Amino acid sequence: MRPAALVIAMLIVAGSGFGTARAIPGAAQSATPAACAATTPQQNADLVRRYTQLVYDNHDPQAAAQFLADDFNRSNPGRPHTNAPGTADDVARVQRSLEEFPDLSGTIDDVIASGDRVVVRLTVGGTQQGAMADFGAPATARPAKWSMIVIWRVACGKLAENWVVADRLTEMRQLGIVTDDELSTVGTPTVATPVP
């Protein structure tokens, strides 16, 4: 697929709300307000790169708030927003990730920017030193490396919203939390799923 077609397809998926756990607040869906200056796709891509470097690579979760809009909303089925939209929830999520993986690092493999959207493909990794309470998983002291795709929406020079898809299965398999034996058998789902 050509890069322009890929961006258009990703924007359609992101705009449709596909895969989101809940409705996106009206304020988060609105276009860039006329009261603020528009940013270029390159400026938006640079903002995402700076956020990734300062918050994750420099292990500074408190820095997240300076990049995020006051009504920031994260759509991530693996780690959904736990409170109302805002910056505190995401600062806490970053802190939790760094407690689980103190040496967490990410490499931006691809960045595609168009309009107010930035699509980033990352390779993330680290050694799990803390329990993953969200998944009921103990600390394993094992390394893991997995892929993520994040679509960001920028408004008024701030990160206003994102949609996250992470390859958690690869991560869990490398950590030994999900084993090959478990994958070869059928068990009772731990979340509500329709029966075929």
N, C-alpha and C. Protein backbone atom coordinates (compact mmCIF):
# COMPACT_ATOMS: atom_id res chain seq x y z
N MET A 1 0.85 -1.16 0.00
CA MET A 1 0.00 0.00 0.00
C MET A 1 0.90 1.23 0.00
N ARG A 2 0.57 2.23 -0.81
CA ARG A 2 1.36 3.45 -0.88
C ARG A 2 1.21 4.25 0.40
N PRO A 3 2.26 5.02 0.82
CA PRO A 3 2.21 5.75 2.09
C PRO A 3 0.99 6.66 2.21
N ALA A 4 0.63 7.38 1.14
CA ALA A 4 -0.53 8.28 1.23
C ALA A 4 -1.82 7.49 1.47
N ALA A 5 -1.95 6.35 0.79
CA ALA A 5 -3.14 5.52 1.00
C ALA A 5 -3.18 4.95 2.40
N LEU A 6 -2.00 4.60 2.93
CA LEU A 6 -1.92 4.08 4.30
C LEU A 6 -2.38 5.12 5.30
N VAL A 7 -1.92 6.38 5.13
CA VAL A 7 -2.33 7.45 6.03
C VAL A 7 -3.84 7.65 5.97
N ILE A 8 -4.40 7.69 4.76
CA ILE A 8 -5.84 7.88 4.62
C ILE A 8 -6.60 6.75 5.28
N ALA A 9 -6.16 5.50 5.06
CA ALA A 9 -6.83 4.35 5.69
C ALA A 9 -6.77 4.44 7.20
N MET A 10 -5.61 4.81 7.75
CA MET A 10 -5.47 4.91 9.21
C MET A 10 -6.33 6.03 9.77
N LEU A 11 -6.43 7.14 9.04
CA LEU A 11 -7.25 8.25 9.51
C LEU A 11 -8.73 7.87 9.50
N ILE A 12 -9.14 7.11 8.50
CA ILE A 12 -10.54 6.67 8.46
C ILE A 12 -10.83 5.76 9.64
N VAL A 13 -9.93 4.81 9.92
CA VAL A 13 -10.12 3.90 11.06
C VAL A 13 -10.15 4.70 12.36
N ALA A 14 -9.19 5.64 12.52
CA ALA A 14 -9.14 6.44 13.75
C ALA A 14 -10.38 7.29 13.90
N GLY A 15 -10.85 7.89 12.81
CA GLY A 15 -12.02 8.75 12.87
C GLY A 15 -13.30 7.99 13.13
N SER A 16 -13.33 6.71 12.77
CA SER A 16 -14.55 5.93 12.95
C SER A 16 -14.74 5.49 14.39
N GLY A 17 -13.69 5.61 15.21
CA GLY A 17 -13.79 5.15 16.60
C GLY A 17 -13.63 3.65 16.71
N PHE A 18 -13.20 2.98 15.64
CA PHE A 18 -13.03 1.53 15.65
C PHE A 18 -12.07 1.12 16.76
N GLY A 19 -12.47 0.19 17.58
CA GLY A 19 -11.60 -0.34 18.61
C GLY A 19 -11.56 0.48 19.89
N THR A 20 -12.30 1.58 19.97
CA THR A 20 -12.26 2.36 21.20
C THR A 20 -13.19 1.74 22.21
N ALA A 21 -12.82 1.87 23.47
CA ALA A 21 -13.59 1.26 24.55
C ALA A 21 -14.78 2.10 24.96
N ARG A 22 -14.77 3.39 24.61
CA ARG A 22 -15.87 4.25 24.99
C ARG A 22 -15.93 5.42 24.02
N ALA A 23 -17.02 6.15 24.08
CA ALA A 23 -17.19 7.29 23.19
C ALA A 23 -16.16 8.37 23.51
N ILE A 24 -15.73 9.08 22.48
CA ILE A 24 -14.78 10.16 22.67
C ILE A 24 -15.58 11.42 22.98
N PRO A 25 -15.20 12.16 24.04
CA PRO A 25 -15.93 13.37 24.39
C PRO A 25 -16.01 14.33 23.22
N GLY A 26 -17.12 15.06 23.13
CA GLY A 26 -17.32 16.01 22.05
C GLY A 26 -16.20 17.00 21.89
N ALA A 27 -15.66 17.50 22.99
CA ALA A 27 -14.57 18.47 22.92
C ALA A 27 -13.35 17.86 22.24
N ALA A 28 -13.11 16.58 22.47
CA ALA A 28 -11.94 15.94 21.89
C ALA A 28 -12.12 15.67 20.41
N GLN A 29 -13.37 15.63 19.93
CA GLN A 29 -13.63 15.36 18.52
C GLN A 29 -13.62 16.62 17.67
N SER A 30 -13.73 17.79 18.29
CA SER A 30 -13.88 19.02 17.53
C SER A 30 -12.61 19.36 16.78
N ALA A 31 -12.77 20.15 15.74
CA ALA A 31 -11.63 20.58 14.95
C ALA A 31 -10.80 21.59 15.74
N THR A 32 -9.60 21.92 15.22
CA THR A 32 -8.74 22.88 15.88
C THR A 32 -9.48 24.20 16.04
N PRO A 33 -9.58 24.72 17.26
CA PRO A 33 -10.29 25.98 17.48
C PRO A 33 -9.64 27.12 16.70
N ALA A 34 -10.47 28.08 16.27
CA ALA A 34 -9.98 29.21 15.50
C ALA A 34 -9.08 30.10 16.36
N ALA A 35 -9.17 30.02 17.68
CA ALA A 35 -8.42 30.89 18.58
C ALA A 35 -6.94 30.55 18.65
N CYS A 36 -6.53 29.42 18.13
CA CYS A 36 -5.11 29.07 18.20
C CYS A 36 -4.56 28.89 16.79
N ALA A 37 -3.27 29.09 16.69
CA ALA A 37 -2.61 28.97 15.39
C ALA A 37 -2.52 27.50 14.98
N ALA A 38 -2.74 27.24 13.72
CA ALA A 38 -2.62 25.88 13.20
C ALA A 38 -1.14 25.51 13.15
N THR A 39 -0.86 24.24 13.31
CA THR A 39 0.51 23.74 13.21
C THR A 39 0.64 22.92 11.95
N THR A 40 1.84 22.82 11.45
CA THR A 40 2.08 22.05 10.23
C THR A 40 2.23 20.57 10.58
N PRO A 41 2.06 19.69 9.61
CA PRO A 41 2.30 18.27 9.88
C PRO A 41 3.72 18.02 10.42
N GLN A 42 4.72 18.74 9.91
CA GLN A 42 6.09 18.56 10.39
C GLN A 42 6.21 18.98 11.86
N GLN A 43 5.58 20.09 12.24
CA GLN A 43 5.60 20.53 13.64
C GLN A 43 4.91 19.50 14.53
N ASN A 44 3.82 18.93 14.03
CA ASN A 44 3.10 17.91 14.81
C ASN A 44 3.96 16.66 15.00
N ALA A 45 4.64 16.24 13.93
CA ALA A 45 5.53 15.07 14.03
C ALA A 45 6.67 15.35 15.01
N ASP A 46 7.22 16.55 14.96
CA ASP A 46 8.31 16.92 15.89
C ASP A 46 7.81 16.91 17.33
N LEU A 47 6.57 17.34 17.57
CA LEU A 47 5.99 17.34 18.91
C LEU A 47 5.90 15.91 19.44
N VAL A 48 5.45 14.98 18.61
CA VAL A 48 5.35 13.58 19.02
C VAL A 48 6.74 13.01 19.30
N ARG A 49 7.71 13.33 18.48
CA ARG A 49 9.08 12.85 18.71
C ARG A 49 9.63 13.38 20.04
N ARG A 50 9.41 14.68 20.32
CA ARG A 50 9.91 15.27 21.58
C ARG A 50 9.22 14.62 22.78
N TYR A 51 7.92 14.39 22.68
CA TYR A 51 7.17 13.73 23.76
C TYR A 51 7.78 12.35 24.04
N THR A 52 7.98 11.57 22.99
CA THR A 52 8.53 10.22 23.14
C THR A 52 9.91 10.26 23.77
N GLN A 53 10.76 11.16 23.29
CA GLN A 53 12.12 11.24 23.81
C GLN A 53 12.14 11.69 25.27
N LEU A 54 11.46 12.78 25.58
CA LEU A 54 11.54 13.33 26.93
C LEU A 54 10.84 12.45 27.96
N VAL A 55 9.64 11.98 27.62
CA VAL A 55 8.84 11.24 28.60
C VAL A 55 9.34 9.80 28.75
N TYR A 56 9.56 9.12 27.64
CA TYR A 56 9.93 7.69 27.71
C TYR A 56 11.44 7.48 27.75
N ASP A 57 12.15 8.01 26.76
CA ASP A 57 13.59 7.76 26.71
C ASP A 57 14.33 8.39 27.89
N ASN A 58 13.87 9.56 28.33
CA ASN A 58 14.49 10.22 29.49
C ASN A 58 13.83 9.83 30.81
N HIS A 59 12.81 8.97 30.74
CA HIS A 59 12.11 8.46 31.93
C HIS A 59 11.61 9.59 32.83
N ASP A 60 10.84 10.51 32.23
CA ASP A 60 10.32 11.67 32.96
C ASP A 60 8.80 11.74 32.79
N PRO A 61 8.03 10.91 33.52
CA PRO A 61 6.59 10.90 33.34
C PRO A 61 5.92 12.25 33.62
N GLN A 62 6.48 13.03 34.55
CA GLN A 62 5.88 14.33 34.86
C GLN A 62 5.92 15.28 33.67
N ALA A 63 6.87 15.06 32.75
CA ALA A 63 6.98 15.91 31.57
C ALA A 63 5.81 15.71 30.61
N ALA A 64 5.09 14.61 30.74
CA ALA A 64 3.97 14.34 29.83
C ALA A 64 2.96 15.48 29.84
N ALA A 65 2.70 16.05 31.01
CA ALA A 65 1.68 17.08 31.13
C ALA A 65 1.97 18.30 30.26
N GLN A 66 3.23 18.62 30.02
CA GLN A 66 3.53 19.81 29.21
C GLN A 66 3.21 19.60 27.73
N PHE A 67 3.08 18.36 27.30
CA PHE A 67 2.78 18.06 25.90
C PHE A 67 1.28 17.83 25.65
N LEU A 68 0.54 17.49 26.71
CA LEU A 68 -0.85 17.06 26.56
C LEU A 68 -1.83 18.21 26.75
N ALA A 69 -2.90 18.20 25.95
CA ALA A 69 -3.98 19.17 26.11
C ALA A 69 -4.69 18.91 27.44
N ASP A 70 -5.30 19.94 27.99
CA ASP A 70 -5.99 19.80 29.28
C ASP A 70 -7.07 18.73 29.25
N ASP A 71 -7.68 18.53 28.08
CA ASP A 71 -8.74 17.52 27.95
C ASP A 71 -8.26 16.29 27.16
N PHE A 72 -6.96 15.98 27.28
CA PHE A 72 -6.37 14.86 26.55
C PHE A 72 -7.17 13.58 26.78
N ASN A 73 -7.35 12.81 25.71
CA ASN A 73 -8.08 11.54 25.79
C ASN A 73 -7.28 10.44 25.11
N ARG A 74 -7.09 9.32 25.81
CA ARG A 74 -6.37 8.16 25.28
C ARG A 74 -7.37 7.05 25.00
N SER A 75 -7.33 6.51 23.79
CA SER A 75 -8.14 5.35 23.44
C SER A 75 -7.20 4.18 23.27
N ASN A 76 -7.09 3.37 24.33
CA ASN A 76 -6.16 2.26 24.35
C ASN A 76 -6.86 1.09 25.04
N PRO A 77 -7.31 0.08 24.28
CA PRO A 77 -8.02 -1.03 24.91
C PRO A 77 -7.21 -1.73 26.00
N GLY A 78 -5.88 -1.77 25.88
CA GLY A 78 -5.04 -2.42 26.88
C GLY A 78 -4.90 -1.62 28.16
N ARG A 79 -4.92 -0.32 28.04
CA ARG A 79 -4.79 0.57 29.19
C ARG A 79 -5.68 1.79 28.97
N PRO A 80 -6.99 1.61 29.11
CA PRO A 80 -7.91 2.73 28.87
C PRO A 80 -7.80 3.80 29.94
N HIS A 81 -8.27 4.99 29.58
CA HIS A 81 -8.34 6.07 30.55
C HIS A 81 -9.14 5.58 31.76
N THR A 82 -8.66 5.84 32.95
CA THR A 82 -9.39 5.40 34.14
C THR A 82 -10.16 6.53 34.78
N ASN A 83 -9.86 7.75 34.38
CA ASN A 83 -10.55 8.92 34.90
C ASN A 83 -11.10 9.72 33.75
N ALA A 84 -11.66 10.88 34.06
CA ALA A 84 -12.12 11.79 33.01
C ALA A 84 -10.92 12.22 32.17
N PRO A 85 -11.14 12.63 30.92
CA PRO A 85 -10.02 13.10 30.11
C PRO A 85 -9.20 14.17 30.83
N GLY A 86 -7.91 14.16 30.60
CA GLY A 86 -7.00 15.11 31.23
C GLY A 86 -5.60 14.55 31.26
N THR A 87 -4.68 15.29 31.83
CA THR A 87 -3.27 14.89 31.80
C THR A 87 -2.88 13.96 32.93
N ALA A 88 -3.54 14.04 34.09
CA ALA A 88 -3.12 13.25 35.26
C ALA A 88 -3.15 11.75 34.99
N ASP A 89 -4.17 11.28 34.28
CA ASP A 89 -4.29 9.86 34.00
C ASP A 89 -3.11 9.36 33.16
N ASP A 90 -2.70 10.16 32.18
CA ASP A 90 -1.62 9.70 31.32
C ASP A 90 -0.27 9.78 32.03
N VAL A 91 -0.07 10.78 32.88
CA VAL A 91 1.15 10.85 33.68
C VAL A 91 1.26 9.60 34.55
N ALA A 92 0.14 9.21 35.16
CA ALA A 92 0.13 8.00 36.01
C ALA A 92 0.39 6.74 35.18
N ARG A 93 -0.14 6.68 33.96
CA ARG A 93 0.08 5.52 33.09
C ARG A 93 1.56 5.39 32.73
N VAL A 94 2.20 6.51 32.40
CA VAL A 94 3.63 6.49 32.07
C VAL A 94 4.43 6.04 33.29
N GLN A 95 4.08 6.58 34.47
CA GLN A 95 4.79 6.21 35.70
C GLN A 95 4.67 4.71 35.95
N ARG A 96 3.46 4.16 35.76
CA ARG A 96 3.23 2.72 35.95
C ARG A 96 4.08 1.91 34.97
N SER A 97 4.15 2.34 33.72
CA SER A 97 4.95 1.64 32.72
C SER A 97 6.43 1.62 33.12
N LEU A 98 6.91 2.73 33.66
CA LEU A 98 8.32 2.81 34.06
C LEU A 98 8.59 2.02 35.34
N GLU A 99 7.59 1.84 36.18
CA GLU A 99 7.75 0.97 37.35
C GLU A 99 7.82 -0.49 36.91
N GLU A 100 7.04 -0.85 35.91
CA GLU A 100 7.07 -2.22 35.38
C GLU A 100 8.37 -2.50 34.63
N PHE A 101 8.81 -1.54 33.83
CA PHE A 101 10.00 -1.66 33.00
C PHE A 101 10.90 -0.45 33.25
N PRO A 102 11.72 -0.46 34.30
CA PRO A 102 12.55 0.69 34.63
C PRO A 102 13.52 1.10 33.52
N ASP A 103 13.89 0.16 32.66
CA ASP A 103 14.79 0.47 31.56
C ASP A 103 14.04 0.60 30.24
N LEU A 104 12.75 0.89 30.30
CA LEU A 104 11.90 1.01 29.11
C LEU A 104 12.51 1.98 28.11
N SER A 105 12.51 1.58 26.86
CA SER A 105 12.97 2.47 25.79
C SER A 105 12.14 2.19 24.55
N GLY A 106 12.10 3.18 23.69
CA GLY A 106 11.35 3.02 22.46
C GLY A 106 12.11 3.59 21.29
N THR A 107 11.94 2.96 20.16
CA THR A 107 12.54 3.45 18.92
C THR A 107 11.40 3.76 17.96
N ILE A 108 11.39 4.97 17.45
CA ILE A 108 10.38 5.33 16.46
C ILE A 108 10.87 4.80 15.11
N ASP A 109 10.13 3.85 14.57
CA ASP A 109 10.50 3.22 13.30
C ASP A 109 9.97 3.99 12.10
N ASP A 110 8.77 4.53 12.22
CA ASP A 110 8.13 5.29 11.13
C ASP A 110 7.27 6.39 11.71
N VAL A 111 7.24 7.54 11.02
CA VAL A 111 6.34 8.64 11.37
C VAL A 111 5.69 9.09 10.08
N ILE A 112 4.37 9.17 10.09
CA ILE A 112 3.62 9.68 8.96
C ILE A 112 2.71 10.78 9.50
N ALA A 113 2.85 11.99 8.97
CA ALA A 113 2.06 13.12 9.45
C ALA A 113 1.24 13.70 8.31
N SER A 114 -0.03 13.98 8.61
CA SER A 114 -0.92 14.59 7.63
C SER A 114 -1.98 15.38 8.40
N GLY A 115 -2.13 16.65 8.06
CA GLY A 115 -3.11 17.48 8.75
C GLY A 115 -2.79 17.53 10.24
N ASP A 116 -3.80 17.24 11.07
CA ASP A 116 -3.59 17.28 12.53
C ASP A 116 -3.29 15.90 13.11
N ARG A 117 -3.01 14.89 12.26
CA ARG A 117 -2.74 13.52 12.72
C ARG A 117 -1.29 13.14 12.49
N VAL A 118 -0.76 12.36 13.44
CA VAL A 118 0.59 11.81 13.32
C VAL A 118 0.48 10.33 13.65
N VAL A 119 0.92 9.48 12.74
CA VAL A 119 0.92 8.04 12.94
C VAL A 119 2.36 7.61 13.20
N VAL A 120 2.57 6.90 14.31
CA VAL A 120 3.91 6.49 14.70
C VAL A 120 3.93 4.97 14.88
N ARG A 121 4.93 4.33 14.28
CA ARG A 121 5.17 2.90 14.52
C ARG A 121 6.43 2.81 15.36
N LEU A 122 6.32 2.17 16.53
CA LEU A 122 7.43 2.10 17.47
C LEU A 122 7.80 0.66 17.77
N THR A 123 9.05 0.47 18.16
CA THR A 123 9.49 -0.77 18.79
C THR A 123 9.84 -0.40 20.22
N VAL A 124 9.19 -1.05 21.17
CA VAL A 124 9.33 -0.74 22.59
C VAL A 124 9.92 -1.95 23.29
N GLY A 125 10.75 -1.72 24.30
CA GLY A 125 11.31 -2.86 25.01
C GLY A 125 11.88 -2.49 26.36
N GLY A 126 12.16 -3.50 27.14
CA GLY A 126 12.75 -3.32 28.45
C GLY A 126 12.69 -4.63 29.22
N THR A 127 13.18 -4.59 30.46
CA THR A 127 13.17 -5.76 31.33
C THR A 127 12.11 -5.54 32.40
N GLN A 128 11.17 -6.47 32.49
CA GLN A 128 10.06 -6.31 33.43
C GLN A 128 10.52 -6.57 34.86
N GLN A 129 10.59 -5.51 35.65
CA GLN A 129 11.03 -5.61 37.05
C GLN A 129 9.87 -5.42 38.03
N GLY A 130 8.73 -4.94 37.55
CA GLY A 130 7.58 -4.72 38.42
C GLY A 130 6.37 -5.50 37.93
N ALA A 131 5.48 -5.84 38.85
CA ALA A 131 4.25 -6.56 38.49
C ALA A 131 3.39 -5.69 37.57
N MET A 132 2.69 -6.34 36.67
CA MET A 132 1.77 -5.65 35.75
C MET A 132 0.36 -5.85 36.29
N ALA A 133 -0.02 -4.98 37.20
CA ALA A 133 -1.30 -5.12 37.90
C ALA A 133 -2.49 -5.11 36.95
N ASP A 134 -2.41 -4.33 35.87
CA ASP A 134 -3.52 -4.27 34.90
C ASP A 134 -3.85 -5.65 34.33
N PHE A 135 -2.83 -6.50 34.27
CA PHE A 135 -3.00 -7.82 33.67
C PHE A 135 -2.91 -8.95 34.69
N GLY A 136 -2.73 -8.60 35.96
CA GLY A 136 -2.58 -9.61 37.00
C GLY A 136 -1.33 -10.44 36.82
N ALA A 137 -0.28 -9.81 36.28
CA ALA A 137 0.95 -10.53 35.97
C ALA A 137 2.07 -10.16 36.93
N PRO A 138 2.77 -11.15 37.48
CA PRO A 138 3.87 -10.87 38.40
C PRO A 138 5.10 -10.37 37.65
N ALA A 139 6.05 -9.82 38.38
CA ALA A 139 7.33 -9.43 37.79
C ALA A 139 8.08 -10.69 37.36
N THR A 140 8.71 -10.64 36.20
CA THR A 140 9.40 -11.83 35.68
C THR A 140 10.91 -11.65 35.58
N ALA A 141 11.39 -10.42 35.63
CA ALA A 141 12.81 -10.10 35.43
C ALA A 141 13.30 -10.52 34.04
N ARG A 142 12.38 -10.65 33.09
CA ARG A 142 12.74 -11.04 31.72
C ARG A 142 12.62 -9.84 30.78
N PRO A 143 13.44 -9.83 29.73
CA PRO A 143 13.33 -8.77 28.73
C PRO A 143 12.24 -9.08 27.72
N ALA A 144 11.71 -8.04 27.13
CA ALA A 144 10.72 -8.19 26.06
C ALA A 144 10.84 -7.01 25.11
N LYS A 145 10.44 -7.24 23.87
CA LYS A 145 10.43 -6.20 22.86
C LYS A 145 9.18 -6.41 22.02
N TRP A 146 8.39 -5.35 21.80
CA TRP A 146 7.14 -5.48 21.08
C TRP A 146 6.88 -4.23 20.26
N SER A 147 5.91 -4.31 19.38
CA SER A 147 5.57 -3.21 18.47
C SER A 147 4.31 -2.50 18.92
N MET A 148 4.25 -1.22 18.57
CA MET A 148 3.06 -0.41 18.85
C MET A 148 2.83 0.51 17.65
N ILE A 149 1.56 0.83 17.43
CA ILE A 149 1.20 1.89 16.50
C ILE A 149 0.33 2.86 17.28
N VAL A 150 0.69 4.13 17.21
CA VAL A 150 -0.05 5.16 17.91
C VAL A 150 -0.44 6.24 16.90
N ILE A 151 -1.72 6.58 16.88
CA ILE A 151 -2.20 7.68 16.07
C ILE A 151 -2.50 8.84 17.02
N TRP A 152 -1.86 9.96 16.79
CA TRP A 152 -2.02 11.15 17.62
C TRP A 152 -2.84 12.20 16.87
N ARG A 153 -3.65 12.96 17.59
CA ARG A 153 -4.30 14.16 17.05
C ARG A 153 -3.74 15.35 17.80
N VAL A 154 -3.29 16.35 17.05
CA VAL A 154 -2.70 17.55 17.63
C VAL A 154 -3.67 18.71 17.46
N ALA A 155 -3.86 19.50 18.52
CA ALA A 155 -4.69 20.70 18.46
C ALA A 155 -4.00 21.80 19.27
N CYS A 156 -3.88 22.96 18.67
CA CYS A 156 -3.27 24.12 19.35
C CYS A 156 -1.87 23.81 19.88
N GLY A 157 -1.11 23.02 19.14
CA GLY A 157 0.26 22.72 19.54
C GLY A 157 0.39 21.74 20.69
N LYS A 158 -0.71 21.06 21.04
CA LYS A 158 -0.69 20.07 22.13
C LYS A 158 -1.20 18.73 21.61
N LEU A 159 -0.80 17.66 22.28
CA LEU A 159 -1.32 16.33 21.96
C LEU A 159 -2.71 16.23 22.59
N ALA A 160 -3.73 16.19 21.75
CA ALA A 160 -5.11 16.25 22.23
C ALA A 160 -5.74 14.88 22.42
N GLU A 161 -5.25 13.90 21.67
CA GLU A 161 -5.92 12.60 21.67
C GLU A 161 -4.99 11.58 21.04
N ASN A 162 -5.12 10.31 21.46
CA ASN A 162 -4.41 9.27 20.72
C ASN A 162 -5.19 7.97 20.74
N TRP A 163 -4.84 7.12 19.77
CA TRP A 163 -5.39 5.78 19.64
C TRP A 163 -4.19 4.85 19.61
N VAL A 164 -4.18 3.85 20.48
CA VAL A 164 -3.00 3.00 20.65
C VAL A 164 -3.35 1.54 20.35
N VAL A 165 -2.50 0.90 19.56
CA VAL A 165 -2.60 -0.53 19.33
C VAL A 165 -1.22 -1.10 19.64
N ALA A 166 -1.15 -1.97 20.65
CA ALA A 166 0.12 -2.55 21.08
C ALA A 166 0.06 -4.07 20.94
N ASP A 167 1.16 -4.65 20.54
CA ASP A 167 1.27 -6.10 20.39
C ASP A 167 1.55 -6.72 21.76
N ARG A 168 0.54 -6.71 22.62
CA ARG A 168 0.70 -7.22 23.99
C ARG A 168 0.92 -8.73 24.01
N LEU A 169 0.40 -9.46 23.03
CA LEU A 169 0.59 -10.92 23.03
C LEU A 169 2.08 -11.26 22.88
N THR A 170 2.77 -10.59 21.96
CA THR A 170 4.21 -10.83 21.81
C THR A 170 4.94 -10.50 23.11
N GLU A 171 4.58 -9.39 23.72
CA GLU A 171 5.19 -9.00 24.99
C GLU A 171 4.97 -10.07 26.06
N MET A 172 3.72 -10.52 26.21
CA MET A 172 3.39 -11.51 27.24
C MET A 172 4.06 -12.86 26.98
N ARG A 173 4.21 -13.23 25.72
CA ARG A 173 4.89 -14.49 25.39
C ARG A 173 6.37 -14.41 25.73
N GLN A 174 7.01 -13.29 25.41
CA GLN A 174 8.43 -13.14 25.71
C GLN A 174 8.68 -13.13 27.22
N LEU A 175 7.74 -12.59 27.97
CA LEU A 175 7.89 -12.54 29.43
C LEU A 175 7.54 -13.88 30.08
N GLY A 176 6.93 -14.80 29.33
CA GLY A 176 6.53 -16.09 29.88
C GLY A 176 5.21 -16.03 30.62
N ILE A 177 4.50 -14.92 30.51
CA ILE A 177 3.20 -14.77 31.17
C ILE A 177 2.13 -15.56 30.41
N VAL A 178 2.27 -15.61 29.09
CA VAL A 178 1.43 -16.46 28.24
C VAL A 178 2.36 -17.47 27.59
N THR A 179 2.07 -18.74 27.78
CA THR A 179 2.96 -19.79 27.27
C THR A 179 2.42 -20.40 25.98
N ASP A 180 3.30 -21.13 25.27
CA ASP A 180 2.88 -21.83 24.06
C ASP A 180 1.82 -22.88 24.38
N ASP A 181 1.94 -23.54 25.53
CA ASP A 181 0.93 -24.53 25.93
C ASP A 181 -0.45 -23.87 26.08
N GLU A 182 -0.46 -22.68 26.66
CA GLU A 182 -1.74 -21.98 26.81
C GLU A 182 -2.34 -21.60 25.47
N LEU A 183 -1.48 -21.26 24.53
CA LEU A 183 -1.98 -20.88 23.21
C LEU A 183 -2.52 -22.07 22.43
N SER A 184 -2.07 -23.27 22.76
CA SER A 184 -2.50 -24.45 22.02
C SER A 184 -3.77 -25.09 22.60
N THR A 185 -4.29 -24.53 23.68
CA THR A 185 -5.52 -25.05 24.28
C THR A 185 -6.57 -23.97 24.35
N VAL A 186 -7.80 -24.39 24.49
CA VAL A 186 -8.91 -23.45 24.63
C VAL A 186 -9.33 -23.42 26.07
N GLY A 187 -9.39 -22.23 26.62
CA GLY A 187 -9.81 -22.09 28.02
C GLY A 187 -11.01 -21.18 28.12
N THR A 188 -11.37 -20.86 29.31
CA THR A 188 -12.48 -19.93 29.55
C THR A 188 -11.94 -18.51 29.48
N PRO A 189 -12.54 -17.69 28.61
CA PRO A 189 -12.05 -16.29 28.50
C PRO A 189 -12.17 -15.56 29.82
N THR A 190 -11.21 -14.68 30.09
CA THR A 190 -11.27 -13.89 31.32
C THR A 190 -11.99 -12.57 31.11
N VAL A 191 -12.36 -12.28 29.88
CA VAL A 191 -13.17 -11.11 29.57
C VAL A 191 -14.38 -11.58 28.78
N ALA A 192 -15.43 -10.79 28.81
CA ALA A 192 -16.66 -11.17 28.11
C ALA A 192 -16.41 -11.22 26.61
N THR A 193 -16.63 -12.37 26.02
CA THR A 193 -16.51 -12.54 24.57
C THR A 193 -17.70 -13.34 24.09
N PRO A 194 -18.17 -13.04 22.88
CA PRO A 194 -19.29 -13.82 22.35
C PRO A 194 -18.86 -15.26 22.03
N VAL A 195 -19.72 -16.19 22.26
CA VAL A 195 -19.45 -17.59 21.93
C VAL A 195 -19.87 -17.82 20.49
N PRO A 196 -18.98 -18.43 19.67
CA PRO A 196 -19.32 -18.64 18.25
C PRO A 196 -20.54 -19.53 18.06
